[in-house]
Amino acid sequence: MSTISSVSSSVSSSSSSGNTSQIASLNKQIQSLTKELKDLSSDDTLTDEQKSAQEQMIQSQIQMIEAQITQIEQQATQKAQQQQEQQQKQDTSSSTSTKADGINRPTDTNQINVYV
């Protein structure tokens, strides 16, 4: 059950609201599966084999949901990195767009040296 607490703590670091709502929904699914898992142990109508089979199935579902959460977080991280790279490219292109035109920004062939 320690993985569930680590997953919920990593959810708070997600930046996008769409991703956050998806992750919150997945966490609710994990919580309901965890509750089912706890209820399963107190169920007397099933045999031990049936209980262990259901327990394995529920645990695999929890692992699949955790994998989905990880994938969503990785996609959000990649998207943020791409946006940062685009911003850096725009910043560098805007700084190089101020070319020397000879008026206020002299060129090598068009300079005025003023000595007073």
N, C-alpha and C. Protein backbone atom coordinates (compact mmCIF):
# COMPACT_ATOMS: atom_id res chain seq x y z
N MET A 1 0.80 -1.19 0.00
CA MET A 1 0.00 0.00 0.00
C MET A 1 0.85 1.26 0.00
N SER A 2 2.15 1.14 0.19
CA SER A 2 3.01 2.30 0.21
C SER A 2 3.11 2.95 -1.16
N THR A 3 2.90 2.18 -2.23
CA THR A 3 2.97 2.77 -3.57
C THR A 3 1.83 3.73 -3.79
N ILE A 4 0.70 3.51 -3.18
CA ILE A 4 -0.44 4.40 -3.37
C ILE A 4 -0.13 5.77 -2.78
N SER A 5 0.48 5.83 -1.63
CA SER A 5 0.81 7.12 -1.02
C SER A 5 1.86 7.85 -1.84
N SER A 6 2.81 7.13 -2.43
CA SER A 6 3.80 7.79 -3.26
C SER A 6 3.19 8.30 -4.55
N VAL A 7 2.20 7.60 -5.08
CA VAL A 7 1.53 8.05 -6.29
C VAL A 7 0.74 9.31 -5.99
N SER A 8 0.04 9.36 -4.88
CA SER A 8 -0.77 10.53 -4.57
C SER A 8 0.10 11.75 -4.28
N SER A 9 1.30 11.56 -3.77
CA SER A 9 2.18 12.69 -3.54
C SER A 9 2.75 13.21 -4.85
N SER A 10 2.95 12.35 -5.82
CA SER A 10 3.47 12.81 -7.09
C SER A 10 2.39 13.47 -7.93
N VAL A 11 1.14 13.26 -7.60
CA VAL A 11 0.05 13.88 -8.33
C VAL A 11 0.06 15.38 -8.12
N SER A 12 0.41 15.83 -6.95
CA SER A 12 0.37 17.25 -6.65
C SER A 12 1.39 18.03 -7.47
N SER A 13 2.39 17.39 -8.03
CA SER A 13 3.39 18.08 -8.81
C SER A 13 3.00 18.26 -10.27
N SER A 14 1.90 17.70 -10.68
CA SER A 14 1.45 17.83 -12.06
C SER A 14 0.95 19.24 -12.30
N SER A 15 1.27 19.82 -13.48
CA SER A 15 0.96 21.22 -13.72
C SER A 15 -0.31 21.43 -14.51
N SER A 16 -0.62 20.60 -15.43
CA SER A 16 -1.77 20.81 -16.30
C SER A 16 -3.06 20.39 -15.59
N SER A 17 -4.10 21.22 -15.76
CA SER A 17 -5.36 20.91 -15.08
C SER A 17 -6.02 19.67 -15.69
N GLY A 18 -5.89 19.47 -17.00
CA GLY A 18 -6.44 18.28 -17.63
C GLY A 18 -5.77 17.03 -17.13
N ASN A 19 -4.46 17.08 -17.03
CA ASN A 19 -3.72 15.94 -16.51
C ASN A 19 -4.04 15.71 -15.04
N THR A 20 -4.21 16.78 -14.31
CA THR A 20 -4.51 16.66 -12.88
C THR A 20 -5.84 15.99 -12.67
N SER A 21 -6.83 16.36 -13.48
CA SER A 21 -8.15 15.73 -13.32
C SER A 21 -8.11 14.26 -13.73
N GLN A 22 -7.34 13.94 -14.76
CA GLN A 22 -7.19 12.54 -15.17
C GLN A 22 -6.53 11.73 -14.05
N ILE A 23 -5.49 12.29 -13.49
CA ILE A 23 -4.77 11.59 -12.43
C ILE A 23 -5.64 11.45 -11.19
N ALA A 24 -6.42 12.48 -10.88
CA ALA A 24 -7.32 12.39 -9.73
C ALA A 24 -8.35 11.30 -9.93
N SER A 25 -8.86 11.18 -11.15
CA SER A 25 -9.83 10.13 -11.45
C SER A 25 -9.18 8.75 -11.31
N LEU A 26 -7.97 8.62 -11.79
CA LEU A 26 -7.26 7.34 -11.67
C LEU A 26 -6.97 7.02 -10.20
N ASN A 27 -6.66 8.04 -9.42
CA ASN A 27 -6.42 7.80 -7.99
C ASN A 27 -7.68 7.34 -7.29
N LYS A 28 -8.83 7.87 -7.69
CA LYS A 28 -10.09 7.41 -7.11
C LYS A 28 -10.32 5.94 -7.45
N GLN A 29 -9.96 5.54 -8.67
CA GLN A 29 -10.08 4.14 -9.05
C GLN A 29 -9.17 3.27 -8.18
N ILE A 30 -7.97 3.76 -7.94
CA ILE A 30 -7.04 3.02 -7.09
C ILE A 30 -7.60 2.88 -5.68
N GLN A 31 -8.19 3.96 -5.17
CA GLN A 31 -8.77 3.90 -3.83
C GLN A 31 -9.91 2.89 -3.76
N SER A 32 -10.76 2.87 -4.79
CA SER A 32 -11.87 1.92 -4.76
C SER A 32 -11.36 0.48 -4.88
N LEU A 33 -10.32 0.27 -5.69
CA LEU A 33 -9.75 -1.07 -5.80
C LEU A 33 -9.08 -1.49 -4.49
N THR A 34 -8.45 -0.54 -3.82
CA THR A 34 -7.84 -0.84 -2.53
C THR A 34 -8.91 -1.22 -1.51
N LYS A 35 -10.03 -0.51 -1.56
CA LYS A 35 -11.13 -0.85 -0.65
C LYS A 35 -11.66 -2.25 -0.96
N GLU A 36 -11.79 -2.56 -2.26
CA GLU A 36 -12.23 -3.91 -2.65
C GLU A 36 -11.26 -4.97 -2.12
N LEU A 37 -9.98 -4.64 -2.21
CA LEU A 37 -8.95 -5.57 -1.74
C LEU A 37 -9.09 -5.81 -0.23
N LYS A 38 -9.36 -4.76 0.51
CA LYS A 38 -9.55 -4.92 1.96
C LYS A 38 -10.83 -5.71 2.25
N ASP A 39 -11.89 -5.41 1.51
CA ASP A 39 -13.15 -6.12 1.72
C ASP A 39 -13.03 -7.59 1.35
N LEU A 40 -12.17 -7.87 0.40
CA LEU A 40 -11.99 -9.24 -0.06
C LEU A 40 -11.44 -10.14 1.06
N SER A 41 -10.57 -9.57 1.86
CA SER A 41 -9.98 -10.38 2.94
C SER A 41 -11.01 -10.78 3.99
N SER A 42 -12.06 -9.98 4.15
CA SER A 42 -13.08 -10.32 5.15
C SER A 42 -14.26 -11.08 4.55
N ASP A 43 -14.20 -11.37 3.25
CA ASP A 43 -15.30 -12.09 2.59
C ASP A 43 -15.19 -13.58 2.89
N ASP A 44 -16.24 -14.13 3.50
CA ASP A 44 -16.22 -15.55 3.88
C ASP A 44 -16.87 -16.44 2.83
N THR A 45 -17.46 -15.87 1.79
CA THR A 45 -18.16 -16.68 0.79
C THR A 45 -17.20 -17.28 -0.23
N LEU A 46 -15.98 -16.77 -0.30
CA LEU A 46 -15.01 -17.26 -1.29
C LEU A 46 -14.01 -18.20 -0.65
N THR A 47 -13.50 -19.10 -1.46
CA THR A 47 -12.44 -19.99 -0.99
C THR A 47 -11.12 -19.23 -1.01
N ASP A 48 -10.10 -19.81 -0.41
CA ASP A 48 -8.79 -19.16 -0.37
C ASP A 48 -8.22 -18.99 -1.77
N GLU A 49 -8.44 -19.97 -2.64
CA GLU A 49 -7.95 -19.88 -4.02
C GLU A 49 -8.64 -18.75 -4.76
N GLN A 50 -9.95 -18.64 -4.57
CA GLN A 50 -10.69 -17.57 -5.23
C GLN A 50 -10.25 -16.20 -4.71
N LYS A 51 -10.01 -16.13 -3.42
CA LYS A 51 -9.55 -14.88 -2.84
C LYS A 51 -8.19 -14.47 -3.41
N SER A 52 -7.28 -15.43 -3.51
CA SER A 52 -5.94 -15.11 -4.02
C SER A 52 -6.00 -14.73 -5.49
N ALA A 53 -6.87 -15.39 -6.26
CA ALA A 53 -7.01 -15.04 -7.67
C ALA A 53 -7.57 -13.63 -7.82
N GLN A 54 -8.59 -13.31 -7.03
CA GLN A 54 -9.17 -11.96 -7.09
C GLN A 54 -8.17 -10.92 -6.60
N GLU A 55 -7.42 -11.27 -5.59
CA GLU A 55 -6.42 -10.35 -5.05
C GLU A 55 -5.36 -10.03 -6.11
N GLN A 56 -4.90 -11.06 -6.82
CA GLN A 56 -3.92 -10.84 -7.89
C GLN A 56 -4.51 -9.98 -9.00
N MET A 57 -5.77 -10.22 -9.34
CA MET A 57 -6.41 -9.44 -10.39
C MET A 57 -6.52 -7.97 -9.98
N ILE A 58 -6.93 -7.72 -8.77
CA ILE A 58 -7.07 -6.34 -8.30
C ILE A 58 -5.71 -5.66 -8.23
N GLN A 59 -4.70 -6.37 -7.75
CA GLN A 59 -3.36 -5.79 -7.69
C GLN A 59 -2.82 -5.47 -9.08
N SER A 60 -3.11 -6.33 -10.05
CA SER A 60 -2.65 -6.04 -11.42
C SER A 60 -3.39 -4.83 -11.98
N GLN A 61 -4.67 -4.67 -11.64
CA GLN A 61 -5.41 -3.48 -12.08
C GLN A 61 -4.81 -2.22 -11.47
N ILE A 62 -4.45 -2.30 -10.20
CA ILE A 62 -3.82 -1.15 -9.54
C ILE A 62 -2.50 -0.81 -10.22
N GLN A 63 -1.71 -1.82 -10.56
CA GLN A 63 -0.43 -1.58 -11.23
C GLN A 63 -0.65 -0.95 -12.60
N MET A 64 -1.67 -1.39 -13.32
CA MET A 64 -1.95 -0.81 -14.63
C MET A 64 -2.35 0.66 -14.50
N ILE A 65 -3.14 0.97 -13.50
CA ILE A 65 -3.55 2.36 -13.29
C ILE A 65 -2.35 3.22 -12.91
N GLU A 66 -1.48 2.68 -12.07
CA GLU A 66 -0.27 3.42 -11.70
C GLU A 66 0.61 3.66 -12.92
N ALA A 67 0.66 2.70 -13.83
CA ALA A 67 1.43 2.88 -15.07
C ALA A 67 0.81 3.99 -15.92
N GLN A 68 -0.51 4.05 -15.96
CA GLN A 68 -1.18 5.13 -16.70
C GLN A 68 -0.84 6.48 -16.09
N ILE A 69 -0.83 6.56 -14.78
CA ILE A 69 -0.49 7.82 -14.11
C ILE A 69 0.93 8.23 -14.46
N THR A 70 1.84 7.28 -14.42
CA THR A 70 3.23 7.56 -14.77
C THR A 70 3.35 8.05 -16.20
N GLN A 71 2.62 7.43 -17.11
CA GLN A 71 2.64 7.82 -18.51
C GLN A 71 2.10 9.24 -18.68
N ILE A 72 1.03 9.58 -18.01
CA ILE A 72 0.46 10.92 -18.10
C ILE A 72 1.46 11.96 -17.59
N GLU A 73 2.12 11.64 -16.48
CA GLU A 73 3.11 12.57 -15.93
C GLU A 73 4.30 12.74 -16.87
N GLN A 74 4.73 11.66 -17.51
CA GLN A 74 5.85 11.75 -18.45
C GLN A 74 5.46 12.59 -19.66
N GLN A 75 4.24 12.42 -20.15
CA GLN A 75 3.77 13.22 -21.28
C GLN A 75 3.73 14.70 -20.90
N ALA A 76 3.27 15.00 -19.69
CA ALA A 76 3.22 16.39 -19.24
C ALA A 76 4.63 16.97 -19.14
N THR A 77 5.57 16.17 -18.67
CA THR A 77 6.96 16.62 -18.57
C THR A 77 7.55 16.89 -19.95
N GLN A 78 7.30 15.99 -20.90
CA GLN A 78 7.79 16.18 -22.26
C GLN A 78 7.19 17.42 -22.89
N LYS A 79 5.90 17.64 -22.68
CA LYS A 79 5.23 18.80 -23.24
C LYS A 79 5.82 20.08 -22.66
N ALA A 80 6.09 20.09 -21.37
CA ALA A 80 6.69 21.26 -20.73
C ALA A 80 8.09 21.52 -21.28
N GLN A 81 8.86 20.45 -21.51
CA GLN A 81 10.20 20.62 -22.06
C GLN A 81 10.14 21.17 -23.48
N GLN A 82 9.20 20.68 -24.28
CA GLN A 82 9.06 21.18 -25.64
C GLN A 82 8.67 22.66 -25.64
N GLN A 83 7.76 23.04 -24.76
CA GLN A 83 7.37 24.44 -24.68
C GLN A 83 8.54 25.31 -24.25
N GLN A 84 9.35 24.81 -23.34
CA GLN A 84 10.51 25.56 -22.88
C GLN A 84 11.52 25.72 -24.02
N GLU A 85 11.73 24.66 -24.80
CA GLU A 85 12.65 24.74 -25.93
C GLU A 85 12.15 25.72 -26.97
N GLN A 86 10.85 25.71 -27.24
CA GLN A 86 10.28 26.66 -28.20
C GLN A 86 10.46 28.09 -27.70
N GLN A 87 10.25 28.31 -26.41
CA GLN A 87 10.41 29.64 -25.84
C GLN A 87 11.86 30.10 -25.97
N GLN A 88 12.80 29.19 -25.74
CA GLN A 88 14.21 29.55 -25.86
C GLN A 88 14.55 29.88 -27.31
N LYS A 89 13.99 29.12 -28.26
CA LYS A 89 14.24 29.40 -29.68
C LYS A 89 13.67 30.76 -30.06
N GLN A 90 12.49 31.09 -29.55
CA GLN A 90 11.89 32.38 -29.85
C GLN A 90 12.71 33.51 -29.24
N ASP A 91 13.22 33.30 -28.04
CA ASP A 91 14.04 34.32 -27.39
C ASP A 91 15.33 34.57 -28.17
N THR A 92 15.97 33.49 -28.64
CA THR A 92 17.21 33.67 -29.39
C THR A 92 16.95 34.27 -30.76
N SER A 93 15.84 33.93 -31.40
CA SER A 93 15.55 34.50 -32.71
C SER A 93 15.18 35.96 -32.60
N SER A 94 14.54 36.38 -31.53
CA SER A 94 14.18 37.79 -31.37
C SER A 94 15.41 38.63 -31.06
N SER A 95 16.39 38.06 -30.37
CA SER A 95 17.60 38.82 -30.07
C SER A 95 18.49 38.94 -31.29
N THR A 96 18.47 37.97 -32.19
CA THR A 96 19.28 38.05 -33.40
C THR A 96 18.57 38.80 -34.51
N SER A 97 17.29 39.12 -34.33
CA SER A 97 16.56 39.82 -35.39
C SER A 97 16.90 41.30 -35.43
N THR A 98 17.57 41.84 -34.42
CA THR A 98 17.97 43.24 -34.44
C THR A 98 19.30 43.35 -35.19
N LYS A 99 19.18 43.36 -36.50
CA LYS A 99 20.37 43.41 -37.35
C LYS A 99 20.86 44.85 -37.48
N ALA A 100 22.10 44.98 -37.75
CA ALA A 100 22.67 46.30 -37.94
C ALA A 100 22.14 46.90 -39.24
N ASP A 101 21.55 48.10 -39.14
CA ASP A 101 21.00 48.73 -40.33
C ASP A 101 21.76 50.00 -40.69
N GLY A 102 22.75 50.38 -39.91
CA GLY A 102 23.57 51.53 -40.25
C GLY A 102 23.05 52.83 -39.67
N ILE A 103 21.89 52.85 -39.10
CA ILE A 103 21.35 54.09 -38.56
C ILE A 103 21.64 54.16 -37.07
N ASN A 104 20.92 53.42 -36.30
CA ASN A 104 21.16 53.41 -34.86
C ASN A 104 22.03 52.23 -34.45
N ARG A 105 22.15 51.28 -35.33
CA ARG A 105 22.98 50.11 -35.08
C ARG A 105 23.98 50.03 -36.25
N PRO A 106 25.17 50.53 -36.04
CA PRO A 106 26.11 50.63 -37.17
C PRO A 106 26.61 49.29 -37.67
N THR A 107 26.91 49.27 -38.97
CA THR A 107 27.53 48.11 -39.59
C THR A 107 29.03 48.36 -39.65
N ASP A 108 29.77 47.38 -40.17
CA ASP A 108 31.22 47.55 -40.28
C ASP A 108 31.58 48.64 -41.28
N THR A 109 30.80 48.80 -42.31
CA THR A 109 31.11 49.79 -43.35
C THR A 109 30.40 51.12 -43.10
N ASN A 110 29.53 51.20 -42.16
CA ASN A 110 28.76 52.41 -41.94
C ASN A 110 28.82 52.78 -40.46
N GLN A 111 29.95 53.37 -40.07
CA GLN A 111 30.11 53.79 -38.68
C GLN A 111 30.57 55.23 -38.64
N ILE A 112 30.20 55.91 -37.59
CA ILE A 112 30.64 57.29 -37.40
C ILE A 112 31.39 57.34 -36.08
N ASN A 113 32.61 57.78 -36.15
CA ASN A 113 33.40 57.97 -34.94
C ASN A 113 33.39 59.46 -34.61
N VAL A 114 32.92 59.79 -33.47
CA VAL A 114 32.85 61.19 -33.06
C VAL A 114 33.79 61.39 -31.89
N TYR A 115 34.73 62.31 -32.07
CA TYR A 115 35.66 62.65 -31.00
C TYR A 115 35.41 64.09 -30.60
N VAL A 116 35.31 64.34 -29.35
CA VAL A 116 35.05 65.71 -28.90
C VAL A 116 36.28 66.23 -28.20
